[in-house]
C-alpha cells in the first residue's frame, strides 16, 4: 500500500473512531479508485481521491469540533 494511501486510511479510521466515541455521524469515506491506468495521467483518479480524502478529513475535524 502506498504511503499516502496508508496515511489516508489511517486518518479515516482515526476520525471514524473519534466520531463514534463522540456520537457524531460522518459522511462515508471516499472510495478508492479502481480504474487507474498507472501512466501518471494529469488529473489521475488518485489525485481526485486524495483531494476528496483531504476534504473528508477537514469535514470530520469540523464535525468533531462542533460536537
C-alpha atoms as a PDB file:
ATOM      1  CA  UNK A   1       0.000   0.000   0.000  1.00  0.00           C
ATOM      2  CA  UNK A   2       1.369   3.416  -0.962  1.00  0.00           C
ATOM      3  CA  UNK A   3       2.357   5.627   1.985  1.00  0.00           C
ATOM      4  CA  UNK A   4      -0.177   8.336   1.044  1.00  0.00           C
ATOM      5  CA  UNK A   5      -2.972   5.769   0.805  1.00  0.00           C
ATOM      6  CA  UNK A   6      -1.915   4.215   4.095  1.00  0.00           C
ATOM      7  CA  UNK A   7      -1.969   7.655   5.754  1.00  0.00           C
ATOM      8  CA  UNK A   8      -5.424   8.441   4.340  1.00  0.00           C
ATOM      9  CA  UNK A   9      -6.846   5.106   5.506  1.00  0.00           C
ATOM     10  CA  UNK A  10      -5.324   5.606   8.960  1.00  0.00           C
ATOM     11  CA  UNK A  11      -6.873   9.088   9.182  1.00  0.00           C
ATOM     12  CA  UNK A  12     -10.250   7.714   8.090  1.00  0.00           C
ATOM     13  CA  UNK A  13     -10.100   5.067  10.817  1.00  0.00           C
ATOM     14  CA  UNK A  14      -8.938   7.532  13.475  1.00  0.00           C
ATOM     15  CA  UNK A  15     -11.688  10.065  12.769  1.00  0.00           C
ATOM     16  CA  UNK A  16     -14.360   7.388  12.479  1.00  0.00           C
ATOM     17  CA  UNK A  17     -13.353   6.073  15.911  1.00  0.00           C
ATOM     18  CA  UNK A  18     -13.374   9.556  17.414  1.00  0.00           C
ATOM     19  CA  UNK A  19     -16.761  10.288  15.840  1.00  0.00           C
ATOM     20  CA  UNK A  20     -18.217   7.032  17.136  1.00  0.00           C
ATOM     21  CA  UNK A  21     -16.985   7.827  20.639  1.00  0.00           C
ATOM     22  CA  UNK A  22     -18.465  11.342  20.421  1.00  0.00           C
ATOM     23  CA  UNK A  23     -21.732  10.155  18.895  1.00  0.00           C
ATOM     24  CA  UNK A  24     -21.130  12.180  15.729  1.00  0.00           C
ATOM     25  CA  UNK A  25     -22.240  10.938  12.320  1.00  0.00           C
ATOM     26  CA  UNK A  26     -19.735  11.414   9.493  1.00  0.00           C
ATOM     27  CA  UNK A  27     -20.206  11.136   5.761  1.00  0.00           C
ATOM     28  CA  UNK A  28     -18.967   7.915   4.141  1.00  0.00           C
ATOM     29  CA  UNK A  29     -15.264   7.986   3.329  1.00  0.00           C
ATOM     30  CA  UNK A  30     -14.168   8.462  -0.282  1.00  0.00           C
ATOM     31  CA  UNK A  31     -13.974   5.238  -2.271  1.00  0.00           C
ATOM     32  CA  UNK A  32     -10.551   4.188  -3.515  1.00  0.00           C
ATOM     33  CA  UNK A  33     -10.223   4.284  -7.313  1.00  0.00           C
ATOM     34  CA  UNK A  34     -10.175   1.027  -9.229  1.00  0.00           C
ATOM     35  CA  UNK A  35      -9.602   2.419 -12.715  1.00  0.00           C
ATOM     36  CA  UNK A  36      -6.067   3.840 -12.566  1.00  0.00           C
ATOM     37  CA  UNK A  37      -4.063   3.002 -15.674  1.00  0.00           C
ATOM     38  CA  UNK A  38      -0.717   3.652 -13.964  1.00  0.00           C
ATOM     39  CA  UNK A  39       0.585   6.037 -16.628  1.00  0.00           C
ATOM     40  CA  UNK A  40       0.756   9.104 -14.376  1.00  0.00           C
ATOM     41  CA  UNK A  41      -2.013  10.962 -16.172  1.00  0.00           C
ATOM     42  CA  UNK A  42      -2.642  14.627 -15.481  1.00  0.00           C
ATOM     43  CA  UNK A  43      -5.850  14.533 -13.437  1.00  0.00           C
ATOM     44  CA  UNK A  44      -5.309  10.940 -12.306  1.00  0.00           C
ATOM     45  CA  UNK A  45      -8.165   9.308 -10.434  1.00  0.00           C
ATOM     46  CA  UNK A  46      -5.843   9.089  -7.412  1.00  0.00           C
ATOM     47  CA  UNK A  47      -5.447  12.885  -7.390  1.00  0.00           C
ATOM     48  CA  UNK A  48      -9.223  13.145  -7.127  1.00  0.00           C
ATOM     49  CA  UNK A  49      -9.266  10.564  -4.353  1.00  0.00           C
ATOM     50  CA  UNK A  50      -6.632  12.404  -2.317  1.00  0.00           C
ATOM     51  CA  UNK A  51      -8.450  15.717  -2.807  1.00  0.00           C
ATOM     52  CA  UNK A  52     -11.664  14.059  -1.610  1.00  0.00           C
ATOM     53  CA  UNK A  53      -9.796  12.484   1.316  1.00  0.00           C
ATOM     54  CA  UNK A  54      -8.414  15.877   2.356  1.00  0.00           C
ATOM     55  CA  UNK A  55     -11.897  17.399   2.213  1.00  0.00           C
ATOM     56  CA  UNK A  56     -13.357  14.455   4.172  1.00  0.00           C
ATOM     57  CA  UNK A  57     -10.736  14.862   6.910  1.00  0.00           C
ATOM     58  CA  UNK A  58     -11.368  18.614   7.135  1.00  0.00           C
ATOM     59  CA  UNK A  59     -15.113  17.963   7.284  1.00  0.00           C
ATOM     60  CA  UNK A  60     -14.637  15.339  10.006  1.00  0.00           C
ATOM     61  CA  UNK A  61     -12.485  17.707  12.065  1.00  0.00           C
ATOM     62  CA  UNK A  62     -15.155  20.402  11.771  1.00  0.00           C
ATOM     63  CA  UNK A  63     -17.900  17.988  12.813  1.00  0.00           C
ATOM     64  CA  UNK A  64     -15.919  16.775  15.810  1.00  0.00           C
ATOM     65  CA  UNK A  65     -15.014  20.302  16.895  1.00  0.00           C
ATOM     66  CA  UNK A  66     -18.675  21.319  16.762  1.00  0.00           C
ATOM     67  CA  UNK A  67     -19.715  18.336  18.883  1.00  0.00           C
END
